[in-house]
Protein backbone atom coordinates (compact mmCIF):
# COMPACT_ATOMS: atom_id res chain seq x y z
CA UNK A 1 0.00 0.00 0.00
CA UNK A 2 1.32 3.43 -0.94
CA UNK A 3 0.63 6.73 0.58
CA UNK A 4 -1.25 9.14 -1.62
CA UNK A 5 -0.51 12.86 -1.81
CA UNK A 6 2.16 12.86 0.90
CA UNK A 7 5.33 14.94 0.78
CA UNK A 8 7.53 11.89 0.97
CA UNK A 9 9.98 10.85 3.58
CA UNK A 10 10.71 13.76 5.96
CA UNK A 11 14.41 12.83 5.95
CA UNK A 12 14.57 13.10 2.15
CA UNK A 13 12.75 16.43 2.26
CA UNK A 14 15.18 17.70 4.90
CA UNK A 15 18.14 16.59 2.80
CA UNK A 16 16.67 18.30 -0.27
CA UNK A 17 16.08 21.53 1.68
CA UNK A 18 19.61 21.44 3.06
CA UNK A 19 21.05 20.85 -0.43
CA UNK A 20 18.94 23.72 -1.78
CA UNK A 21 20.26 26.09 0.89
CA UNK A 22 23.84 25.01 0.20
CA UNK A 23 23.34 25.59 -3.53
CA UNK A 24 21.85 29.03 -2.88
CA UNK A 25 24.74 29.93 -0.59
CA UNK A 26 27.25 28.75 -3.20
CA UNK A 27 25.53 30.79 -5.92
CA UNK A 28 25.42 33.81 -3.60
CA UNK A 29 29.16 33.50 -2.92
CA UNK A 30 29.92 33.18 -6.63
CA UNK A 31 27.77 36.24 -7.38
CA UNK A 32 29.48 38.26 -4.67
CA UNK A 33 32.94 37.31 -5.94
CA UNK A 34 31.99 38.14 -9.53
CA UNK A 35 30.76 41.56 -8.36
CA UNK A 36 34.01 42.14 -6.44
CA UNK A 37 36.04 41.15 -9.48
CA UNK A 38 33.99 43.47 -11.69
CA UNK A 39 34.45 46.36 -9.24
CA UNK A 40 38.19 45.69 -9.11
CA UNK A 41 38.41 45.68 -12.90
CA UNK A 42 36.55 49.00 -13.11
CA UNK A 43 38.90 50.59 -10.58
CA UNK A 44 41.92 49.06 -12.32
CA UNK A 45 40.80 50.44 -15.68
CA UNK A 46 40.26 53.93 -14.27
CA UNK A 47 43.63 53.92 -12.50
CA UNK A 48 45.42 52.55 -15.55
CA UNK A 49 43.84 55.13 -17.87
CA UNK A 50 44.87 57.91 -15.50
CA UNK A 51 48.45 56.68 -15.21
CA UNK A 52 48.75 56.15 -18.96
CA UNK A 53 47.44 59.68 -19.61
CA UNK A 54 50.03 61.07 -17.20
CA UNK A 55 52.81 59.08 -18.84
CA UNK A 56 51.64 60.21 -22.26
CA UNK A 57 51.85 63.87 -21.19
CA UNK A 58 55.37 63.34 -19.86
CA UNK A 59 56.36 61.58 -23.07
CA UNK A 60 54.98 64.46 -25.15
CA UNK A 61 57.05 66.93 -23.11
CA UNK A 62 60.19 64.82 -23.56
CA UNK A 63 59.57 64.53 -27.30
CA UNK A 64 59.25 68.33 -27.61
CA UNK A 65 62.46 68.83 -25.62
CA UNK A 66 64.21 66.32 -27.84
CA UNK A 67 63.04 68.15 -30.95
CA UNK A 68 64.42 71.42 -29.55
CA UNK A 69 67.75 69.75 -28.78
CA UNK A 70 67.89 68.24 -32.28
CA UNK A 71 67.35 71.69 -33.80
CA UNK A 72 70.03 73.18 -31.55
CA UNK A 73 72.51 70.44 -32.45
CA UNK A 74 71.68 70.86 -36.13
CA UNK A 75 72.26 74.61 -35.85
CA UNK A 76 75.51 74.09 -34.01
CA UNK A 77 76.88 71.74 -36.66
CA UNK A 78 76.00 74.12 -39.49
CA UNK A 79 77.08 77.24 -37.58
CA UNK A 80 79.78 76.46 -34.99
CA UNK A 81 80.17 80.15 -34.09
CA UNK A 82 77.01 79.83 -31.96
CA UNK A 83 79.10 78.26 -29.18
CA UNK A 84 81.82 80.93 -29.25
PDB file of N, CA and C in Angstrom:
ATOM      1  N   UNK A   1       0.817  -1.180   0.000  1.00  0.00           N
ATOM      2  CA  UNK A   1       0.000   0.000   0.000  1.00  0.00           C
ATOM      3  C   UNK A   1       0.865   1.249   0.000  1.00  0.00           C
ATOM      4  N   UNK A   2       0.563   2.189  -0.875  1.00  0.00           N
ATOM      5  CA  UNK A   2       1.324   3.428  -0.936  1.00  0.00           C
ATOM      6  C   UNK A   2       0.559   4.563  -0.317  1.00  0.00           C
ATOM      7  N   UNK A   3       1.264   5.537   0.030  1.00  0.00           N
ATOM      8  CA  UNK A   3       0.631   6.734   0.580  1.00  0.00           C
ATOM      9  C   UNK A   3       0.293   7.661  -0.577  1.00  0.00           C
ATOM     10  N   UNK A   4      -0.843   8.243  -0.546  1.00  0.00           N
ATOM     11  CA  UNK A   4      -1.246   9.135  -1.621  1.00  0.00           C
ATOM     12  C   UNK A   4      -1.160  10.582  -1.191  1.00  0.00           C
ATOM     13  N   UNK A   5      -0.535  11.431  -2.041  1.00  0.00           N
ATOM     14  CA  UNK A   5      -0.512  12.864  -1.815  1.00  0.00           C
ATOM     15  C   UNK A   5       0.405  13.325  -0.707  1.00  0.00           C
ATOM     16  N   UNK A   6       1.242  12.455  -0.150  1.00  0.00           N
ATOM     17  CA  UNK A   6       2.156  12.865   0.905  1.00  0.00           C
ATOM     18  C   UNK A   6       3.367  13.584   0.342  1.00  0.00           C
ATOM     19  N   UNK A   7       4.142  14.212   1.212  1.00  0.00           N
ATOM     20  CA  UNK A   7       5.328  14.938   0.778  1.00  0.00           C
ATOM     21  C   UNK A   7       6.532  14.026   0.678  1.00  0.00           C
ATOM     22  N   UNK A   8       6.399  12.801   1.022  1.00  0.00           N
ATOM     23  CA  UNK A   8       7.535  11.895   0.967  1.00  0.00           C
ATOM     24  C   UNK A   8       8.168  11.773   2.327  1.00  0.00           C
ATOM     25  N   UNK A   9       9.241  11.089   2.345  1.00  0.00           N
ATOM     26  CA  UNK A   9       9.977  10.846   3.582  1.00  0.00           C
ATOM     27  C   UNK A   9      10.520  12.173   4.122  1.00  0.00           C
ATOM     28  N   UNK A  10      10.227  12.496   5.383  1.00  0.00           N
ATOM     29  CA  UNK A  10      10.709  13.763   5.962  1.00  0.00           C
ATOM     30  C   UNK A  10      12.225  13.892   5.919  1.00  0.00           C
ATOM     31  N   UNK A  11      12.944  12.784   6.016  1.00  0.00           N
ATOM     32  CA  UNK A  11      14.409  12.833   5.954  1.00  0.00           C
ATOM     33  C   UNK A  11      14.854  13.274   4.570  1.00  0.00           C
ATOM     34  N   UNK A  12      14.223  12.720   3.518  1.00  0.00           N
ATOM     35  CA  UNK A  12      14.565  13.102   2.152  1.00  0.00           C
ATOM     36  C   UNK A  12      14.238  14.564   1.882  1.00  0.00           C
ATOM     37  N   UNK A  13      13.126  15.032   2.421  1.00  0.00           N
ATOM     38  CA  UNK A  13      12.752  16.433   2.258  1.00  0.00           C
ATOM     39  C   UNK A  13      13.771  17.323   2.961  1.00  0.00           C
ATOM     40  N   UNK A  14      14.171  16.933   4.158  1.00  0.00           N
ATOM     41  CA  UNK A  14      15.178  17.700   4.897  1.00  0.00           C
ATOM     42  C   UNK A  14      16.493  17.761   4.152  1.00  0.00           C
ATOM     43  N   UNK A  15      16.895  16.631   3.574  1.00  0.00           N
ATOM     44  CA  UNK A  15      18.141  16.593   2.798  1.00  0.00           C
ATOM     45  C   UNK A  15      18.025  17.502   1.577  1.00  0.00           C
ATOM     46  N   UNK A  16      16.884  17.465   0.915  1.00  0.00           N
ATOM     47  CA  UNK A  16      16.670  18.302  -0.266  1.00  0.00           C
ATOM     48  C   UNK A  16      16.701  19.782   0.104  1.00  0.00           C
ATOM     49  N   UNK A  17      16.081  20.134   1.231  1.00  0.00           N
ATOM     50  CA  UNK A  17      16.076  21.534   1.677  1.00  0.00           C
ATOM     51  C   UNK A  17      17.501  21.974   2.007  1.00  0.00           C
ATOM     52  N   UNK A  18      18.230  21.120   2.705  1.00  0.00           N
ATOM     53  CA  UNK A  18      19.615  21.445   3.056  1.00  0.00           C
ATOM     54  C   UNK A  18      20.461  21.624   1.798  1.00  0.00           C
ATOM     55  N   UNK A  19      20.301  20.740   0.831  1.00  0.00           N
ATOM     56  CA  UNK A  19      21.049  20.850  -0.426  1.00  0.00           C
ATOM     57  C   UNK A  19      20.673  22.133  -1.162  1.00  0.00           C
ATOM     58  N   UNK A  20      19.389  22.498  -1.130  1.00  0.00           N
ATOM     59  CA  UNK A  20      18.942  23.723  -1.782  1.00  0.00           C
ATOM     60  C   UNK A  20      19.588  24.948  -1.135  1.00  0.00           C
ATOM     61  N   UNK A  21      19.630  24.976   0.197  1.00  0.00           N
ATOM     62  CA  UNK A  21      20.262  26.094   0.891  1.00  0.00           C
ATOM     63  C   UNK A  21      21.748  26.176   0.573  1.00  0.00           C
ATOM     64  N   UNK A  22      22.403  25.021   0.521  1.00  0.00           N
ATOM     65  CA  UNK A  22      23.838  25.009   0.197  1.00  0.00           C
ATOM     66  C   UNK A  22      24.076  25.517  -1.216  1.00  0.00           C
ATOM     67  N   UNK A  23      23.209  25.104  -2.146  1.00  0.00           N
ATOM     68  CA  UNK A  23      23.337  25.588  -3.527  1.00  0.00           C
ATOM     69  C   UNK A  23      23.115  27.100  -3.607  1.00  0.00           C
ATOM     70  N   UNK A  24      22.127  27.589  -2.885  1.00  0.00           N
ATOM     71  CA  UNK A  24      21.849  29.028  -2.878  1.00  0.00           C
ATOM     72  C   UNK A  24      23.019  29.807  -2.275  1.00  0.00           C
ATOM     73  N   UNK A  25      23.596  29.267  -1.211  1.00  0.00           N
ATOM     74  CA  UNK A  25      24.738  29.928  -0.586  1.00  0.00           C
ATOM     75  C   UNK A  25      25.934  29.949  -1.533  1.00  0.00           C
ATOM     76  N   UNK A  26      26.161  28.831  -2.229  1.00  0.00           N
ATOM     77  CA  UNK A  26      27.248  28.754  -3.196  1.00  0.00           C
ATOM     78  C   UNK A  26      27.044  29.771  -4.313  1.00  0.00           C
ATOM     79  N   UNK A  27      25.837  29.838  -4.849  1.00  0.00           N
ATOM     80  CA  UNK A  27      25.529  30.786  -5.916  1.00  0.00           C
ATOM     81  C   UNK A  27      25.694  32.220  -5.420  1.00  0.00           C
ATOM     82  N   UNK A  28      25.272  32.477  -4.196  1.00  0.00           N
ATOM     83  CA  UNK A  28      25.419  33.806  -3.603  1.00  0.00           C
ATOM     84  C   UNK A  28      26.901  34.181  -3.479  1.00  0.00           C
ATOM     85  N   UNK A  29      27.723  33.251  -3.039  1.00  0.00           N
ATOM     86  CA  UNK A  29      29.164  33.503  -2.923  1.00  0.00           C
ATOM     87  C   UNK A  29      29.789  33.763  -4.285  1.00  0.00           C
ATOM     88  N   UNK A  30      29.402  32.978  -5.274  1.00  0.00           N
ATOM     89  CA  UNK A  30      29.923  33.179  -6.632  1.00  0.00           C
ATOM     90  C   UNK A  30      29.516  34.561  -7.140  1.00  0.00           C
ATOM     91  N   UNK A  31      28.258  34.926  -6.938  1.00  0.00           N
ATOM     92  CA  UNK A  31      27.767  36.239  -7.385  1.00  0.00           C
ATOM     93  C   UNK A  31      28.534  37.372  -6.706  1.00  0.00           C
ATOM     94  N   UNK A  32      28.744  37.239  -5.406  1.00  0.00           N
ATOM     95  CA  UNK A  32      29.482  38.261  -4.667  1.00  0.00           C
ATOM     96  C   UNK A  32      30.906  38.390  -5.194  1.00  0.00           C
ATOM     97  N   UNK A  33      31.562  37.272  -5.435  1.00  0.00           N
ATOM     98  CA  UNK A  33      32.938  37.311  -5.936  1.00  0.00           C
ATOM     99  C   UNK A  33      33.014  37.862  -7.348  1.00  0.00           C
ATOM    100  N   UNK A  34      32.025  37.574  -8.179  1.00  0.00           N
ATOM    101  CA  UNK A  34      31.991  38.139  -9.531  1.00  0.00           C
ATOM    102  C   UNK A  34      31.828  39.657  -9.437  1.00  0.00           C
ATOM    103  N   UNK A  35      30.955  40.115  -8.555  1.00  0.00           N
ATOM    104  CA  UNK A  35      30.759  41.557  -8.364  1.00  0.00           C
ATOM    105  C   UNK A  35      32.043  42.215  -7.879  1.00  0.00           C
ATOM    106  N   UNK A  36      32.734  41.592  -6.934  1.00  0.00           N
ATOM    107  CA  UNK A  36      34.007  42.138  -6.440  1.00  0.00           C
ATOM    108  C   UNK A  36      35.039  42.207  -7.562  1.00  0.00           C
ATOM    109  N   UNK A  37      35.107  41.166  -8.360  1.00  0.00           N
ATOM    110  CA  UNK A  37      36.043  41.149  -9.485  1.00  0.00           C
ATOM    111  C   UNK A  37      35.710  42.260 -10.470  1.00  0.00           C
ATOM    112  N   UNK A  38      34.435  42.424 -10.772  1.00  0.00           N
ATOM    113  CA  UNK A  38      33.991  43.470 -11.690  1.00  0.00           C
ATOM    114  C   UNK A  38      34.356  44.851 -11.147  1.00  0.00           C
ATOM    115  N   UNK A  39      34.102  45.085  -9.857  1.00  0.00           N
ATOM    116  CA  UNK A  39      34.450  46.364  -9.237  1.00  0.00           C
ATOM    117  C   UNK A  39      35.953  46.608  -9.299  1.00  0.00           C
ATOM    118  N   UNK A  40      36.733  45.568  -9.028  1.00  0.00           N
ATOM    119  CA  UNK A  40      38.187  45.695  -9.115  1.00  0.00           C
ATOM    120  C   UNK A  40      38.609  46.070 -10.520  1.00  0.00           C
ATOM    121  N   UNK A  41      38.035  45.397 -11.519  1.00  0.00           N
ATOM    122  CA  UNK A  41      38.410  45.680 -12.898  1.00  0.00           C
ATOM    123  C   UNK A  41      38.046  47.109 -13.299  1.00  0.00           C
ATOM    124  N   UNK A  42      36.917  47.608 -12.829  1.00  0.00           N
ATOM    125  CA  UNK A  42      36.547  48.997 -13.108  1.00  0.00           C
ATOM    126  C   UNK A  42      37.547  49.970 -12.490  1.00  0.00           C
ATOM    127  N   UNK A  43      37.922  49.725 -11.242  1.00  0.00           N
ATOM    128  CA  UNK A  43      38.903  50.588 -10.578  1.00  0.00           C
ATOM    129  C   UNK A  43      40.263  50.487 -11.273  1.00  0.00           C
ATOM    130  N   UNK A  44      40.647  49.274 -11.642  1.00  0.00           N
ATOM    131  CA  UNK A  44      41.922  49.061 -12.317  1.00  0.00           C
ATOM    132  C   UNK A  44      41.956  49.808 -13.646  1.00  0.00           C
ATOM    133  N   UNK A  45      40.861  49.732 -14.399  1.00  0.00           N
ATOM    134  CA  UNK A  45      40.796  50.436 -15.682  1.00  0.00           C
ATOM    135  C   UNK A  45      40.935  51.940 -15.485  1.00  0.00           C
ATOM    136  N   UNK A  46      40.213  52.487 -14.516  1.00  0.00           N
ATOM    137  CA  UNK A  46      40.265  53.928 -14.270  1.00  0.00           C
ATOM    138  C   UNK A  46      41.674  54.358 -13.862  1.00  0.00           C
ATOM    139  N   UNK A  47      42.276  53.599 -12.959  1.00  0.00           N
ATOM    140  CA  UNK A  47      43.628  53.923 -12.503  1.00  0.00           C
ATOM    141  C   UNK A  47      44.626  53.818 -13.646  1.00  0.00           C
ATOM    142  N   UNK A  48      44.497  52.763 -14.434  1.00  0.00           N
ATOM    143  CA  UNK A  48      45.420  52.553 -15.549  1.00  0.00           C
ATOM    144  C   UNK A  48      45.283  53.662 -16.580  1.00  0.00           C
ATOM    145  N   UNK A  49      44.050  54.037 -16.903  1.00  0.00           N
ATOM    146  CA  UNK A  49      43.844  55.128 -17.866  1.00  0.00           C
ATOM    147  C   UNK A  49      44.481  56.415 -17.365  1.00  0.00           C
ATOM    148  N   UNK A  50      44.307  56.698 -16.083  1.00  0.00           N
ATOM    149  CA  UNK A  50      44.872  57.909 -15.496  1.00  0.00           C
ATOM    150  C   UNK A  50      46.397  57.888 -15.574  1.00  0.00           C
ATOM    151  N   UNK A  51      46.988  56.778 -15.191  1.00  0.00           N
ATOM    152  CA  UNK A  51      48.453  56.675 -15.211  1.00  0.00           C
ATOM    153  C   UNK A  51      48.992  56.746 -16.634  1.00  0.00           C
ATOM    154  N   UNK A  52      48.307  56.102 -17.567  1.00  0.00           N
ATOM    155  CA  UNK A  52      48.755  56.154 -18.959  1.00  0.00           C
ATOM    156  C   UNK A  52      48.636  57.570 -19.520  1.00  0.00           C
ATOM    157  N   UNK A  53      47.587  58.291 -19.155  1.00  0.00           N
ATOM    158  CA  UNK A  53      47.438  59.675 -19.613  1.00  0.00           C
ATOM    159  C   UNK A  53      48.576  60.536 -19.069  1.00  0.00           C
ATOM    160  N   UNK A  54      48.920  60.330 -17.803  1.00  0.00           N
ATOM    161  CA  UNK A  54      50.026  61.075 -17.203  1.00  0.00           C
ATOM    162  C   UNK A  54      51.341  60.753 -17.898  1.00  0.00           C
ATOM    163  N   UNK A  55      51.589  59.482 -18.139  1.00  0.00           N
ATOM    164  CA  UNK A  55      52.815  59.084 -18.840  1.00  0.00           C
ATOM    165  C   UNK A  55      52.852  59.640 -20.258  1.00  0.00           C
ATOM    166  N   UNK A  56      51.704  59.678 -20.911  1.00  0.00           N
ATOM    167  CA  UNK A  56      51.635  60.208 -22.264  1.00  0.00           C
ATOM    168  C   UNK A  56      51.993  61.695 -22.287  1.00  0.00           C
ATOM    169  N   UNK A  57      51.500  62.452 -21.287  1.00  0.00           N
ATOM    170  CA  UNK A  57      51.848  63.871 -21.189  1.00  0.00           C
ATOM    171  C   UNK A  57      53.354  64.052 -20.986  1.00  0.00           C
ATOM    172  N   UNK A  58      53.928  63.250 -20.112  1.00  0.00           N
ATOM    173  CA  UNK A  58      55.366  63.337 -19.861  1.00  0.00           C
ATOM    174  C   UNK A  58      56.157  62.984 -21.117  1.00  0.00           C
ATOM    175  N   UNK A  59      55.696  61.978 -21.834  1.00  0.00           N
ATOM    176  CA  UNK A  59      56.364  61.583 -23.070  1.00  0.00           C
ATOM    177  C   UNK A  59      56.275  62.686 -24.112  1.00  0.00           C
ATOM    178  N   UNK A  60      55.132  63.346 -24.217  1.00  0.00           N
ATOM    179  CA  UNK A  60      54.982  64.463 -25.153  1.00  0.00           C
ATOM    180  C   UNK A  60      55.969  65.579 -24.824  1.00  0.00           C
ATOM    181  N   UNK A  61      56.107  65.889 -23.531  1.00  0.00           N
ATOM    182  CA  UNK A  61      57.054  66.933 -23.109  1.00  0.00           C
ATOM    183  C   UNK A  61      58.476  66.540 -23.480  1.00  0.00           C
ATOM    184  N   UNK A  62      58.846  65.291 -23.219  1.00  0.00           N
ATOM    185  CA  UNK A  62      60.194  64.821 -23.557  1.00  0.00           C
ATOM    186  C   UNK A  62      60.432  64.858 -25.062  1.00  0.00           C
ATOM    187  N   UNK A  63      59.424  64.494 -25.841  1.00  0.00           N
ATOM    188  CA  UNK A  63      59.571  64.530 -27.303  1.00  0.00           C
ATOM    189  C   UNK A  63      59.795  65.963 -27.791  1.00  0.00           C
ATOM    190  N   UNK A  64      59.062  66.929 -27.213  1.00  0.00           N
ATOM    191  CA  UNK A  64      59.250  68.335 -27.605  1.00  0.00           C
ATOM    192  C   UNK A  64      60.646  68.817 -27.228  1.00  0.00           C
ATOM    193  N   UNK A  65      61.108  68.448 -26.035  1.00  0.00           N
ATOM    194  CA  UNK A  65      62.463  68.832 -25.618  1.00  0.00           C
ATOM    195  C   UNK A  65      63.508  68.218 -26.536  1.00  0.00           C
ATOM    196  N   UNK A  66      63.284  66.979 -26.935  1.00  0.00           N
ATOM    197  CA  UNK A  66      64.214  66.315 -27.837  1.00  0.00           C
ATOM    198  C   UNK A  66      64.245  67.015 -29.191  1.00  0.00           C
ATOM    199  N   UNK A  67      63.097  67.430 -29.678  1.00  0.00           N
ATOM    200  CA  UNK A  67      63.042  68.151 -30.949  1.00  0.00           C
ATOM    201  C   UNK A  67      63.821  69.461 -30.864  1.00  0.00           C
ATOM    202  N   UNK A  68      63.675  70.170 -29.744  1.00  0.00           N
ATOM    203  CA  UNK A  68      64.423  71.416 -29.554  1.00  0.00           C
ATOM    204  C   UNK A  68      65.918  71.138 -29.545  1.00  0.00           C
ATOM    205  N   UNK A  69      66.320  70.102 -28.835  1.00  0.00           N
ATOM    206  CA  UNK A  69      67.748  69.747 -28.783  1.00  0.00           C
ATOM    207  C   UNK A  69      68.270  69.351 -30.160  1.00  0.00           C
ATOM    208  N   UNK A  70      67.467  68.626 -30.926  1.00  0.00           N
ATOM    209  CA  UNK A  70      67.892  68.244 -32.275  1.00  0.00           C
ATOM    210  C   UNK A  70      68.095  69.476 -33.155  1.00  0.00           C
ATOM    211  N   UNK A  71      67.205  70.455 -33.028  1.00  0.00           N
ATOM    212  CA  UNK A  71      67.350  71.689 -33.801  1.00  0.00           C
ATOM    213  C   UNK A  71      68.602  72.436 -33.363  1.00  0.00           C
ATOM    214  N   UNK A  72      68.841  72.494 -32.047  1.00  0.00           N
ATOM    215  CA  UNK A  72      70.032  73.184 -31.548  1.00  0.00           C
ATOM    216  C   UNK A  72      71.308  72.501 -32.023  1.00  0.00           C
ATOM    217  N   UNK A  73      71.324  71.170 -31.997  1.00  0.00           N
ATOM    218  CA  UNK A  73      72.506  70.436 -32.451  1.00  0.00           C
ATOM    219  C   UNK A  73      72.687  70.648 -33.953  1.00  0.00           C
ATOM    220  N   UNK A  74      71.597  70.615 -34.694  1.00  0.00           N
ATOM    221  CA  UNK A  74      71.684  70.865 -36.133  1.00  0.00           C
ATOM    222  C   UNK A  74      72.214  72.252 -36.429  1.00  0.00           C
ATOM    223  N   UNK A  75      71.762  73.243 -35.661  1.00  0.00           N
ATOM    224  CA  UNK A  75      72.262  74.606 -35.846  1.00  0.00           C
ATOM    225  C   UNK A  75      73.717  74.707 -35.483  1.00  0.00           C
ATOM    226  N   UNK A  76      74.130  74.042 -34.461  1.00  0.00           N
ATOM    227  CA  UNK A  76      75.512  74.086 -34.012  1.00  0.00           C
ATOM    228  C   UNK A  76      76.448  73.454 -35.028  1.00  0.00           C
ATOM    229  N   UNK A  77      75.999  72.395 -35.681  1.00  0.00           N
ATOM    230  CA  UNK A  77      76.880  71.736 -36.664  1.00  0.00           C
ATOM    231  C   UNK A  77      76.972  72.551 -37.942  1.00  0.00           C
ATOM    232  N   UNK A  78      75.925  73.302 -38.281  1.00  0.00           N
ATOM    233  CA  UNK A  78      75.996  74.119 -39.494  1.00  0.00           C
ATOM    234  C   UNK A  78      76.574  75.494 -39.202  1.00  0.00           C
ATOM    235  N   UNK A  79      76.559  75.933 -37.945  1.00  0.00           N
ATOM    236  CA  UNK A  79      77.076  77.241 -37.577  1.00  0.00           C
ATOM    237  C   UNK A  79      77.794  77.139 -36.232  1.00  0.00           C
ATOM    238  N   UNK A  80      79.056  76.672 -36.250  1.00  0.00           N
ATOM    239  CA  UNK A  80      79.783  76.459 -34.991  1.00  0.00           C
ATOM    240  C   UNK A  80      80.033  77.737 -34.198  1.00  0.00           C
ATOM    241  N   UNK A  81      79.904  78.904 -34.809  1.00  0.00           N
ATOM    242  CA  UNK A  81      80.166  80.145 -34.089  1.00  0.00           C
ATOM    243  C   UNK A  81      79.130  80.423 -33.001  1.00  0.00           C
ATOM    244  N   UNK A  82      78.022  79.646 -32.974  1.00  0.00           N
ATOM    245  CA  UNK A  82      77.006  79.828 -31.963  1.00  0.00           C
ATOM    246  C   UNK A  82      77.580  79.566 -30.577  1.00  0.00           C
ATOM    247  N   UNK A  83      78.540  78.639 -30.475  1.00  0.00           N
ATOM    248  CA  UNK A  83      79.097  78.257 -29.184  1.00  0.00           C
ATOM    249  C   UNK A  83      80.270  79.138 -28.773  1.00  0.00           C
ATOM    250  N   UNK A  84      80.668  80.062 -29.582  1.00  0.00           N
ATOM    251  CA  UNK A  84      81.816  80.932 -29.253  1.00  0.00           C
ATOM    252  C   UNK A  84      81.399  82.193 -28.559  1.00  0.00           C
TER     253      UNK A  84
END
